[in-house]
Amino acid sequence: MPQLDTSTWSLTITLMLISLFCIYQLKMLNQTMTSISSQEDKILYPKPQLPWEKKWTKTYLLHSSHLLS
């Protein structure tokens, strides 16, 4: 029974990866990319009114309360 020659596999796999990368790049050239316009950055949105107070509050977890004492 003849032995399987695997000496060219690395070359074949490398060339396959390179060709897949090139095909992917060529496909991406045809895609239209949306650009971020500078007008959107200039729009100032009003800050929402928060229903809570802006101060720090302490939150205690029930499961960790025995660790604090």
PDB file of N, CA and C in Angstrom:
ATOM      1  N   MET A   1       0.838  -1.180   0.000  1.00  0.00           N
ATOM      2  CA  MET A   1       0.000   0.000   0.000  1.00  0.00           C
ATOM      3  C   MET A   1       0.886   1.247   0.000  1.00  0.00           C
ATOM      4  N   PRO A   2       0.671   2.185  -0.924  1.00  0.00           N
ATOM      5  CA  PRO A   2       1.559   3.359  -0.994  1.00  0.00           C
ATOM      6  C   PRO A   2       1.298   4.353   0.141  1.00  0.00           C
ATOM      7  N   GLN A   3       2.328   5.057   0.474  1.00  0.00           N
ATOM      8  CA  GLN A   3       2.227   6.082   1.518  1.00  0.00           C
ATOM      9  C   GLN A   3       1.635   7.361   0.930  1.00  0.00           C
ATOM     10  N   LEU A   4       0.903   8.070   1.773  1.00  0.00           N
ATOM     11  CA  LEU A   4       0.308   9.329   1.342  1.00  0.00           C
ATOM     12  C   LEU A   4       1.346  10.437   1.480  1.00  0.00           C
ATOM     13  N   ASP A   5       1.587  11.133   0.407  1.00  0.00           N
ATOM     14  CA  ASP A   5       2.589  12.195   0.411  1.00  0.00           C
ATOM     15  C   ASP A   5       1.955  13.475   0.969  1.00  0.00           C
ATOM     16  N   THR A   6       2.405  13.894   2.121  1.00  0.00           N
ATOM     17  CA  THR A   6       1.821  15.081   2.778  1.00  0.00           C
ATOM     18  C   THR A   6       2.748  16.288   2.707  1.00  0.00           C
ATOM     19  N   SER A   7       3.791  16.219   1.923  1.00  0.00           N
ATOM     20  CA  SER A   7       4.766  17.308   1.891  1.00  0.00           C
ATOM     21  C   SER A   7       4.202  18.581   1.259  1.00  0.00           C
ATOM     22  N   THR A   8       3.194  18.467   0.414  1.00  0.00           N
ATOM     23  CA  THR A   8       2.651  19.658  -0.249  1.00  0.00           C
ATOM     24  C   THR A   8       1.430  20.229   0.469  1.00  0.00           C
ATOM     25  N   TRP A   9       1.020  19.617   1.559  1.00  0.00           N
ATOM     26  CA  TRP A   9      -0.178  20.082   2.245  1.00  0.00           C
ATOM     27  C   TRP A   9      -0.001  21.481   2.822  1.00  0.00           C
ATOM     28  N   SER A  10       1.130  21.754   3.398  1.00  0.00           N
ATOM     29  CA  SER A  10       1.340  23.080   3.991  1.00  0.00           C
ATOM     30  C   SER A  10       1.284  24.170   2.923  1.00  0.00           C
ATOM     31  N   LEU A  11       1.871  23.885   1.775  1.00  0.00           N
ATOM     32  CA  LEU A  11       1.817  24.847   0.673  1.00  0.00           C
ATOM     33  C   LEU A  11       0.382  25.027   0.182  1.00  0.00           C
ATOM     34  N   THR A  12      -0.341  23.937   0.069  1.00  0.00           N
ATOM     35  CA  THR A  12      -1.728  23.997  -0.398  1.00  0.00           C
ATOM     36  C   THR A  12      -2.602  24.785   0.573  1.00  0.00           C
ATOM     37  N   ILE A  13      -2.453  24.531   1.856  1.00  0.00           N
ATOM     38  CA  ILE A  13      -3.255  25.234   2.863  1.00  0.00           C
ATOM     39  C   ILE A  13      -2.899  26.709   2.893  1.00  0.00           C
ATOM     40  N   THR A  14      -1.624  27.019   2.799  1.00  0.00           N
ATOM     41  CA  THR A  14      -1.201  28.420   2.803  1.00  0.00           C
ATOM     42  C   THR A  14      -1.753  29.170   1.599  1.00  0.00           C
ATOM     43  N   LEU A  15      -1.654  28.569   0.441  1.00  0.00           N
ATOM     44  CA  LEU A  15      -2.185  29.223  -0.760  1.00  0.00           C
ATOM     45  C   LEU A  15      -3.698  29.355  -0.719  1.00  0.00           C
ATOM     46  N   MET A  16      -4.368  28.389  -0.117  1.00  0.00           N
ATOM     47  CA  MET A  16      -5.817  28.471   0.025  1.00  0.00           C
ATOM     48  C   MET A  16      -6.208  29.630   0.933  1.00  0.00           C
ATOM     49  N   LEU A  17      -5.500  29.810   2.036  1.00  0.00           N
ATOM     50  CA  LEU A  17      -5.803  30.913   2.949  1.00  0.00           C
ATOM     51  C   LEU A  17      -5.545  32.271   2.293  1.00  0.00           C
ATOM     52  N   ILE A  18      -4.476  32.354   1.551  1.00  0.00           N
ATOM     53  CA  ILE A  18      -4.170  33.602   0.844  1.00  0.00           C
ATOM     54  C   ILE A  18      -5.242  33.897  -0.198  1.00  0.00           C
ATOM     55  N   SER A  19      -5.662  32.891  -0.921  1.00  0.00           N
ATOM     56  CA  SER A  19      -6.690  33.120  -1.948  1.00  0.00           C
ATOM     57  C   SER A  19      -8.027  33.487  -1.307  1.00  0.00           C
ATOM     58  N   LEU A  20      -8.370  32.866  -0.180  1.00  0.00           N
ATOM     59  CA  LEU A  20      -9.609  33.241   0.511  1.00  0.00           C
ATOM     60  C   LEU A  20      -9.552  34.674   1.011  1.00  0.00           C
ATOM     61  N   PHE A  21      -8.403  35.077   1.506  1.00  0.00           N
ATOM     62  CA  PHE A  21      -8.252  36.455   1.948  1.00  0.00           C
ATOM     63  C   PHE A  21      -8.416  37.421   0.778  1.00  0.00           C
ATOM     64  N   CYS A  22      -7.830  37.099  -0.356  1.00  0.00           N
ATOM     65  CA  CYS A  22      -7.949  37.966  -1.543  1.00  0.00           C
ATOM     66  C   CYS A  22      -9.390  38.031  -2.039  1.00  0.00           C
ATOM     67  N   ILE A  23     -10.071  36.916  -2.039  1.00  0.00           N
ATOM     68  CA  ILE A  23     -11.477  36.911  -2.469  1.00  0.00           C
ATOM     69  C   ILE A  23     -12.323  37.753  -1.516  1.00  0.00           C
ATOM     70  N   TYR A  24     -12.062  37.618  -0.240  1.00  0.00           N
ATOM     71  CA  TYR A  24     -12.803  38.417   0.747  1.00  0.00           C
ATOM     72  C   TYR A  24     -12.553  39.907   0.539  1.00  0.00           C
ATOM     73  N   GLN A  25     -11.313  40.273   0.295  1.00  0.00           N
ATOM     74  CA  GLN A  25     -10.994  41.674   0.069  1.00  0.00           C
ATOM     75  C   GLN A  25     -11.660  42.205  -1.193  1.00  0.00           C
ATOM     76  N   LEU A  26     -11.698  41.415  -2.231  1.00  0.00           N
ATOM     77  CA  LEU A  26     -12.360  41.837  -3.465  1.00  0.00           C
ATOM     78  C   LEU A  26     -13.866  41.997  -3.267  1.00  0.00           C
ATOM     79  N   LYS A  27     -14.451  41.143  -2.470  1.00  0.00           N
ATOM     80  CA  LYS A  27     -15.874  41.281  -2.192  1.00  0.00           C
ATOM     81  C   LYS A  27     -16.145  42.525  -1.348  1.00  0.00           C
ATOM     82  N   MET A  28     -15.242  42.832  -0.458  1.00  0.00           N
ATOM     83  CA  MET A  28     -15.439  44.009   0.394  1.00  0.00           C
ATOM     84  C   MET A  28     -15.276  45.310  -0.394  1.00  0.00           C
ATOM     85  N   LEU A  29     -14.563  45.285  -1.477  1.00  0.00           N
ATOM     86  CA  LEU A  29     -14.411  46.485  -2.303  1.00  0.00           C
ATOM     87  C   LEU A  29     -15.742  46.920  -2.908  1.00  0.00           C
ATOM     88  N   ASN A  30     -16.624  45.980  -3.162  1.00  0.00           N
ATOM     89  CA  ASN A  30     -17.906  46.296  -3.772  1.00  0.00           C
ATOM     90  C   ASN A  30     -18.950  46.764  -2.774  1.00  0.00           C
ATOM     91  N   GLN A  31     -18.652  46.638  -1.502  1.00  0.00           N
ATOM     92  CA  GLN A  31     -19.611  47.045  -0.481  1.00  0.00           C
ATOM     93  C   GLN A  31     -19.532  48.551  -0.269  1.00  0.00           C
ATOM     94  N   THR A  32     -20.675  49.159  -0.044  1.00  0.00           N
ATOM     95  CA  THR A  32     -20.689  50.587   0.264  1.00  0.00           C
ATOM     96  C   THR A  32     -20.705  50.753   1.771  1.00  0.00           C
ATOM     97  N   MET A  33     -19.763  51.488   2.250  1.00  0.00           N
ATOM     98  CA  MET A  33     -19.666  51.729   3.682  1.00  0.00           C
ATOM     99  C   MET A  33     -20.309  53.067   4.010  1.00  0.00           C
ATOM    100  N   THR A  34     -21.061  53.089   5.075  1.00  0.00           N
ATOM    101  CA  THR A  34     -21.682  54.342   5.484  1.00  0.00           C
ATOM    102  C   THR A  34     -20.664  55.161   6.257  1.00  0.00           C
ATOM    103  N   SER A  35     -20.592  56.398   5.942  1.00  0.00           N
ATOM    104  CA  SER A  35     -19.658  57.264   6.641  1.00  0.00           C
ATOM    105  C   SER A  35     -20.394  58.050   7.713  1.00  0.00           C
ATOM    106  N   ILE A  36     -19.685  58.343   8.753  1.00  0.00           N
ATOM    107  CA  ILE A  36     -20.265  59.121   9.844  1.00  0.00           C
ATOM    108  C   ILE A  36     -20.109  60.585   9.481  1.00  0.00           C
ATOM    109  N   SER A  37     -21.225  61.243   9.362  1.00  0.00           N
ATOM    110  CA  SER A  37     -21.168  62.646   8.979  1.00  0.00           C
ATOM    111  C   SER A  37     -20.916  63.515  10.205  1.00  0.00           C
ATOM    112  N   SER A  38     -20.335  64.650   9.972  1.00  0.00           N
ATOM    113  CA  SER A  38     -20.036  65.548  11.085  1.00  0.00           C
ATOM    114  C   SER A  38     -21.280  66.289  11.558  1.00  0.00           C
ATOM    115  N   GLN A  39     -22.340  66.301  10.779  1.00  0.00           N
ATOM    116  CA  GLN A  39     -23.564  66.967  11.199  1.00  0.00           C
ATOM    117  C   GLN A  39     -24.203  66.254  12.382  1.00  0.00           C
ATOM    118  N   GLU A  40     -24.097  64.955  12.411  1.00  0.00           N
ATOM    119  CA  GLU A  40     -24.679  64.217  13.519  1.00  0.00           C
ATOM    120  C   GLU A  40     -23.974  64.536  14.827  1.00  0.00           C
ATOM    121  N   ASP A  41     -22.698  64.828  14.756  1.00  0.00           N
ATOM    122  CA  ASP A  41     -21.959  65.165  15.961  1.00  0.00           C
ATOM    123  C   ASP A  41     -22.354  66.529  16.510  1.00  0.00           C
ATOM    124  N   LYS A  42     -22.793  67.411  15.644  1.00  0.00           N
ATOM    125  CA  LYS A  42     -23.115  68.766  16.069  1.00  0.00           C
ATOM    126  C   LYS A  42     -24.492  68.879  16.722  1.00  0.00           C
ATOM    127  N   ILE A  43     -25.317  67.859  16.551  1.00  0.00           N
ATOM    128  CA  ILE A  43     -26.653  67.893  17.141  1.00  0.00           C
ATOM    129  C   ILE A  43     -26.519  67.668  18.645  1.00  0.00           C
ATOM    130  N   LEU A  44     -27.022  68.602  19.416  1.00  0.00           N
ATOM    131  CA  LEU A  44     -26.996  68.469  20.862  1.00  0.00           C
ATOM    132  C   LEU A  44     -28.362  68.015  21.342  1.00  0.00           C
ATOM    133  N   TYR A  45     -28.386  66.893  21.970  1.00  0.00           N
ATOM    134  CA  TYR A  45     -29.630  66.370  22.488  1.00  0.00           C
ATOM    135  C   TYR A  45     -29.834  66.890  23.910  1.00  0.00           C
ATOM    136  N   PRO A  46     -31.049  67.263  24.248  1.00  0.00           N
ATOM    137  CA  PRO A  46     -31.278  67.730  25.618  1.00  0.00           C
ATOM    138  C   PRO A  46     -31.146  66.578  26.611  1.00  0.00           C
ATOM    139  N   LYS A  47     -30.611  66.881  27.760  1.00  0.00           N
ATOM    140  CA  LYS A  47     -30.457  65.845  28.775  1.00  0.00           C
ATOM    141  C   LYS A  47     -31.826  65.552  29.381  1.00  0.00           C
ATOM    142  N   PRO A  48     -32.133  64.285  29.571  1.00  0.00           N
ATOM    143  CA  PRO A  48     -33.433  63.959  30.148  1.00  0.00           C
ATOM    144  C   PRO A  48     -33.487  64.317  31.634  1.00  0.00           C
ATOM    145  N   GLN A  49     -34.658  64.654  32.084  1.00  0.00           N
ATOM    146  CA  GLN A  49     -34.851  64.951  33.494  1.00  0.00           C
ATOM    147  C   GLN A  49     -34.932  63.634  34.267  1.00  0.00           C
ATOM    148  N   LEU A  50     -34.048  63.473  35.210  1.00  0.00           N
ATOM    149  CA  LEU A  50     -33.998  62.226  35.956  1.00  0.00           C
ATOM    150  C   LEU A  50     -34.990  62.270  37.113  1.00  0.00           C
ATOM    151  N   PRO A  51     -35.733  61.200  37.313  1.00  0.00           N
ATOM    152  CA  PRO A  51     -36.722  61.208  38.389  1.00  0.00           C
ATOM    153  C   PRO A  51     -36.122  60.975  39.775  1.00  0.00           C
ATOM    154  N   TRP A  52     -34.834  60.677  39.849  1.00  0.00           N
ATOM    155  CA  TRP A  52     -34.217  60.437  41.142  1.00  0.00           C
ATOM    156  C   TRP A  52     -33.221  61.547  41.460  1.00  0.00           C
ATOM    157  N   GLU A  53     -32.820  61.588  42.684  1.00  0.00           N
ATOM    158  CA  GLU A  53     -31.869  62.617  43.111  1.00  0.00           C
ATOM    159  C   GLU A  53     -30.457  62.211  42.714  1.00  0.00           C
ATOM    160  N   LYS A  54     -29.646  63.225  42.510  1.00  0.00           N
ATOM    161  CA  LYS A  54     -28.257  62.951  42.116  1.00  0.00           C
ATOM    162  C   LYS A  54     -27.377  62.915  43.365  1.00  0.00           C
ATOM    163  N   LYS A  55     -27.510  61.886  44.146  1.00  0.00           N
ATOM    164  CA  LYS A  55     -26.633  61.709  45.289  1.00  0.00           C
ATOM    165  C   LYS A  55     -26.369  60.218  45.465  1.00  0.00           C
ATOM    166  N   TRP A  56     -25.296  59.926  46.140  1.00  0.00           N
ATOM    167  CA  TRP A  56     -24.929  58.546  46.361  1.00  0.00           C
ATOM    168  C   TRP A  56     -25.814  57.943  47.433  1.00  0.00           C
ATOM    169  N   THR A  57     -26.240  56.730  47.190  1.00  0.00           N
ATOM    170  CA  THR A  57     -27.004  55.997  48.193  1.00  0.00           C
ATOM    171  C   THR A  57     -26.315  54.676  48.443  1.00  0.00           C
ATOM    172  N   LYS A  58     -26.461  54.173  49.646  1.00  0.00           N
ATOM    173  CA  LYS A  58     -25.850  52.897  49.992  1.00  0.00           C
ATOM    174  C   LYS A  58     -26.818  51.776  49.664  1.00  0.00           C
ATOM    175  N   THR A  59     -26.299  50.740  49.058  1.00  0.00           N
ATOM    176  CA  THR A  59     -27.102  49.579  48.730  1.00  0.00           C
ATOM    177  C   THR A  59     -26.504  48.385  49.449  1.00  0.00           C
ATOM    178  N   TYR A  60     -27.309  47.720  50.228  1.00  0.00           N
ATOM    179  CA  TYR A  60     -26.850  46.554  50.964  1.00  0.00           C
ATOM    180  C   TYR A  60     -27.487  45.308  50.371  1.00  0.00           C
ATOM    181  N   LEU A  61     -26.672  44.319  50.129  1.00  0.00           N
ATOM    182  CA  LEU A  61     -27.182  43.045  49.648  1.00  0.00           C
ATOM    183  C   LEU A  61     -27.473  42.146  50.842  1.00  0.00           C
ATOM    184  N   LEU A  62     -28.561  41.439  50.794  1.00  0.00           N
ATOM    185  CA  LEU A  62     -28.930  40.581  51.913  1.00  0.00           C
ATOM    186  C   LEU A  62     -27.953  39.434  52.101  1.00  0.00           C
ATOM    187  N   HIS A  63     -27.450  38.887  51.023  1.00  0.00           N
ATOM    188  CA  HIS A  63     -26.568  37.729  51.130  1.00  0.00           C
ATOM    189  C   HIS A  63     -25.185  38.099  51.660  1.00  0.00           C
ATOM    190  N   SER A  64     -24.791  39.343  51.473  1.00  0.00           N
ATOM    191  CA  SER A  64     -23.464  39.716  51.934  1.00  0.00           C
ATOM    192  C   SER A  64     -23.504  40.477  53.263  1.00  0.00           C
ATOM    193  N   SER A  65     -24.668  40.636  53.871  1.00  0.00           N
ATOM    194  CA  SER A  65     -24.750  41.415  55.112  1.00  0.00           C
ATOM    195  C   SER A  65     -24.035  40.722  56.263  1.00  0.00           C
ATOM    196  N   HIS A  66     -23.999  39.400  56.296  1.00  0.00           N
ATOM    197  CA  HIS A  66     -23.317  38.701  57.375  1.00  0.00           C
ATOM    198  C   HIS A  66     -21.795  38.831  57.258  1.00  0.00           C
ATOM    199  N   LEU A  67     -21.295  39.172  56.082  1.00  0.00           N
ATOM    200  CA  LEU A  67     -19.857  39.351  55.912  1.00  0.00           C
ATOM    201  C   LEU A  67     -19.389  40.691  56.467  1.00  0.00           C
ATOM    202  N   LEU A  68     -20.277  41.669  56.507  1.00  0.00           N
ATOM    203  CA  LEU A  68     -19.888  42.998  56.959  1.00  0.00           C
ATOM    204  C   LEU A  68     -19.771  43.085  58.488  1.00  0.00           C
ATOM    205  N   SER A  69     -20.470  42.258  59.201  1.00  0.00           N
ATOM    206  CA  SER A  69     -20.461  42.367  60.660  1.00  0.00           C
ATOM    207  C   SER A  69     -19.402  41.540  61.317  1.00  0.00           C
TER     208      SER A  69
END
